[in-house]
């Protein structure tokens, strides 16, 4: 099945690439296949992941649903963005049960949808699980992820998108700095796709 044809061209092409790879990766999987789609904020990864999940019938998990209510106070040597995301809850409530073929249930924390915060989310088990969002490939959950995808979009385009979604009073330069550190030390990816109009060509790794 192909991704939704009404997607913008870059996201549609990227989603198609990911779907093609998932078809191949699934043939080699002995159980549930967990695919992480990571990328900077505003890169287009959520749009791509939703299209991929729809096309493949995958269960879809958003790292933003495990965004901390308040930034945690952590040691100076804590991994970048650990004070923003509750990876322990992401593991325990979503990835571990879905990987074991069980239902996942958790309370929504998504910062972009304050009206839905606290809503109970139930995700049925599927043969394919897509986890998307910044830090989807974090080392803290790496043992539960089979394939890693990076969405690359030019910085100017990403920031323009973010400014359209985040108010001036909520703009967080600390977040952007931590994000740069995270991607500077991120693991290698199995697939890199373009999420913007002028991003680098898609490539396998």
Protein backbone atom coordinates (compact mmCIF):
# COMPACT_ATOMS: atom_id res chain seq x y z
CA UNK A 1 0.00 0.00 0.00
CA UNK A 2 1.26 3.51 -0.82
CA UNK A 3 1.27 6.51 1.52
CA UNK A 4 -1.54 9.07 1.23
CA UNK A 5 -1.31 10.85 -2.16
CA UNK A 6 -2.34 14.22 -0.65
CA UNK A 7 0.94 14.60 1.26
CA UNK A 8 3.37 17.34 0.17
CA UNK A 9 5.82 15.93 -2.34
CA UNK A 10 8.89 15.71 -0.05
CA UNK A 11 7.00 13.94 2.73
CA UNK A 12 5.21 11.64 0.27
CA UNK A 13 8.49 10.60 -1.33
CA UNK A 14 10.09 10.04 2.08
CA UNK A 15 7.14 8.02 3.37
CA UNK A 16 7.24 5.87 0.26
CA UNK A 17 10.92 5.15 0.81
CA UNK A 18 10.31 4.16 4.42
CA UNK A 19 7.38 1.91 3.46
CA UNK A 20 9.53 0.18 0.83
CA UNK A 21 12.25 -0.46 3.40
CA UNK A 22 9.81 -1.67 6.03
CA UNK A 23 8.50 -4.23 3.54
CA UNK A 24 12.04 -5.60 3.21
CA UNK A 25 12.88 -5.32 6.90
CA UNK A 26 9.68 -7.14 7.81
CA UNK A 27 10.75 -10.18 5.78
CA UNK A 28 13.86 -10.47 7.96
CA UNK A 29 12.06 -9.90 11.28
CA UNK A 30 11.37 -12.90 13.49
CA UNK A 31 8.81 -11.04 15.63
CA UNK A 32 7.43 -7.56 16.02
CA UNK A 33 9.41 -5.03 13.94
CA UNK A 34 10.02 -1.70 15.72
CA UNK A 35 11.05 1.19 13.47
CA UNK A 36 12.14 4.53 14.94
CA UNK A 37 11.74 7.72 12.88
CA UNK A 38 13.86 10.50 14.35
CA UNK A 39 14.74 14.03 13.30
CA UNK A 40 14.95 17.63 14.44
CA UNK A 41 11.77 19.42 15.46
CA UNK A 42 9.96 20.64 12.35
CA UNK A 43 11.69 18.17 10.03
CA UNK A 44 8.43 16.52 8.91
CA UNK A 45 8.92 13.23 10.72
CA UNK A 46 5.45 13.17 12.30
CA UNK A 47 3.74 13.66 8.94
CA UNK A 48 5.93 10.97 7.41
CA UNK A 49 5.41 8.55 10.31
CA UNK A 50 1.63 8.91 10.19
CA UNK A 51 1.62 8.15 6.48
CA UNK A 52 3.92 5.16 7.01
CA UNK A 53 1.76 3.78 9.82
CA UNK A 54 -1.38 4.17 7.72
CA UNK A 55 0.20 2.46 4.73
CA UNK A 56 1.67 -0.46 6.70
CA UNK A 57 -0.98 -0.88 9.40
CA UNK A 58 1.65 -0.21 12.05
CA UNK A 59 1.04 0.81 15.63
CA UNK A 60 2.19 4.42 16.04
CA UNK A 61 3.83 5.89 19.14
CA UNK A 62 4.89 9.55 19.53
CA UNK A 63 7.80 10.47 21.79
CA UNK A 64 5.98 13.76 22.48
CA UNK A 65 3.37 11.75 24.39
CA UNK A 66 6.19 11.09 26.88
CA UNK A 67 7.30 14.71 27.16
CA UNK A 68 7.99 15.58 30.79
CA UNK A 69 5.41 17.80 32.50
CA UNK A 70 8.33 19.73 33.94
CA UNK A 71 11.97 19.57 33.02
CA UNK A 72 13.75 17.08 35.23
CA UNK A 73 16.78 17.98 37.31
CA UNK A 74 19.44 15.54 36.19
CA UNK A 75 23.20 15.13 36.60
CA UNK A 76 25.40 17.21 34.33
CA UNK A 77 26.48 14.08 32.45
CA UNK A 78 22.90 13.00 31.62
CA UNK A 79 22.24 12.31 27.92
CA UNK A 80 21.05 15.32 25.89
CA UNK A 81 17.26 15.87 26.07
CA UNK A 82 16.90 13.41 28.98
CA UNK A 83 15.42 16.26 31.02
CA UNK A 84 12.68 16.73 28.41
CA UNK A 85 11.63 13.12 27.69
CA UNK A 86 10.61 10.32 30.05
CA UNK A 87 12.25 7.40 28.24
CA UNK A 88 11.59 5.07 31.16
CA UNK A 89 7.83 5.54 30.74
CA UNK A 90 8.14 5.21 26.96
CA UNK A 91 9.87 1.86 27.44
CA UNK A 92 7.60 0.52 30.17
CA UNK A 93 4.20 1.71 28.96
CA UNK A 94 4.58 1.56 25.18
CA UNK A 95 7.55 -0.15 23.57
CA UNK A 96 7.96 -3.13 25.88
CA UNK A 97 4.30 -4.22 25.77
CA UNK A 98 3.94 -3.65 22.02
CA UNK A 99 7.16 -5.50 21.29
CA UNK A 100 5.81 -8.40 23.37
CA UNK A 101 2.54 -8.37 21.43
CA UNK A 102 0.52 -6.74 24.20
CA UNK A 103 -1.65 -3.63 24.29
CA UNK A 104 0.02 -0.35 25.30
CA UNK A 105 -1.82 2.17 27.49
CA UNK A 106 -0.65 5.52 28.83
CA UNK A 107 -1.73 9.09 29.54
CA UNK A 108 -1.07 11.65 26.83
CA UNK A 109 1.43 14.43 27.56
CA UNK A 110 1.82 15.91 24.05
CA UNK A 111 2.91 19.54 24.44
CA UNK A 112 1.30 20.63 21.16
CA UNK A 113 -2.16 19.45 22.21
CA UNK A 114 -2.73 20.82 25.74
CA UNK A 115 -6.46 20.13 25.51
CA UNK A 116 -5.70 16.40 25.20
CA UNK A 117 -3.12 16.16 28.00
CA UNK A 118 -4.10 13.40 30.41
CA UNK A 119 -6.28 11.58 27.91
CA UNK A 120 -5.84 7.81 28.11
CA UNK A 121 -4.29 6.41 24.95
CA UNK A 122 -4.61 2.72 24.09
CA UNK A 123 -2.55 1.27 21.23
CA UNK A 124 -3.34 -2.22 19.96
CA UNK A 125 -0.45 -4.59 19.22
CA UNK A 126 0.57 -4.89 15.58
CA UNK A 127 3.34 -6.76 13.72
CA UNK A 128 4.97 -3.39 12.99
CA UNK A 129 5.49 -0.57 15.49
CA UNK A 130 6.58 2.92 14.43
CA UNK A 131 7.91 5.20 17.16
CA UNK A 132 8.43 8.75 15.96
CA UNK A 133 9.69 12.01 17.35
CA UNK A 134 12.82 13.67 18.60
CA UNK A 135 14.87 11.07 20.54
CA UNK A 136 13.06 8.11 18.95
CA UNK A 137 16.55 6.64 18.49
CA UNK A 138 17.85 7.56 21.95
CA UNK A 139 20.30 5.06 23.50
CA UNK A 140 17.91 4.63 26.43
CA UNK A 141 15.46 2.75 24.19
CA UNK A 142 17.86 1.47 21.53
CA UNK A 143 17.55 -2.17 22.59
CA UNK A 144 13.83 -2.05 21.75
CA UNK A 145 14.33 -0.61 18.25
CA UNK A 146 15.17 -2.73 15.20
CA UNK A 147 15.62 -0.08 12.49
CA UNK A 148 16.47 3.63 12.71
CA UNK A 149 15.32 6.27 10.20
CA UNK A 150 16.48 9.90 10.17
CA UNK A 151 14.44 12.68 8.53
CA UNK A 152 16.70 15.50 7.28
CA UNK A 153 15.34 18.97 6.49
CA UNK A 154 17.24 22.25 6.02
CA UNK A 155 17.48 24.26 9.25
CA UNK A 156 15.83 27.38 7.82
CA UNK A 157 12.80 25.36 6.77
CA UNK A 158 12.60 23.54 10.12
CA UNK A 159 12.78 26.75 12.12
CA UNK A 160 10.14 28.38 9.94
CA UNK A 161 7.81 25.46 10.65
CA UNK A 162 8.58 25.56 14.37
CA UNK A 163 7.94 29.30 14.59
CA UNK A 164 4.52 28.61 13.08
CA UNK A 165 3.74 26.13 15.87
CA UNK A 166 5.47 27.57 18.94
CA UNK A 167 4.60 30.96 20.43
CA UNK A 168 7.36 33.44 21.22
CA UNK A 169 6.87 32.99 24.97
CA UNK A 170 7.21 29.20 24.63
CA UNK A 171 10.26 29.35 22.35
CA UNK A 172 13.06 27.40 24.03
CA UNK A 173 16.65 28.05 22.96
CA UNK A 174 17.84 25.49 25.54
CA UNK A 175 15.78 22.89 23.67
CA UNK A 176 17.40 23.76 20.35
CA UNK A 177 20.86 23.59 21.89
CA UNK A 178 20.15 20.20 23.50
CA UNK A 179 18.69 18.95 20.24
CA UNK A 180 21.90 19.87 18.38
CA UNK A 181 23.96 17.98 20.96
CA UNK A 182 21.66 14.95 20.71
CA UNK A 183 21.96 14.70 16.93
CA UNK A 184 25.67 15.39 17.10
CA UNK A 185 26.08 12.19 19.10
CA UNK A 186 23.22 10.15 17.60
CA UNK A 187 23.83 6.57 16.46
CA UNK A 188 24.08 5.61 12.80
CA UNK A 189 20.82 5.26 10.90
CA UNK A 190 19.65 2.50 8.57
CA UNK A 191 17.89 5.00 6.31
CA UNK A 192 18.04 8.78 5.82
CA UNK A 193 15.17 10.52 4.02
CA UNK A 194 14.41 14.11 3.07
CA UNK A 195 11.59 15.93 4.81
CA UNK A 196 12.00 19.32 3.14
CA UNK A 197 12.10 20.93 -0.27
CA UNK A 198 15.88 21.24 -0.46
CA UNK A 199 17.14 18.52 1.85
CA UNK A 200 19.90 16.13 0.91
CA UNK A 201 19.01 13.19 -1.29
CA UNK A 202 17.57 10.12 0.45
CA UNK A 203 20.14 7.47 1.13
CA UNK A 204 20.65 4.14 2.82
CA UNK A 205 23.32 3.65 5.42
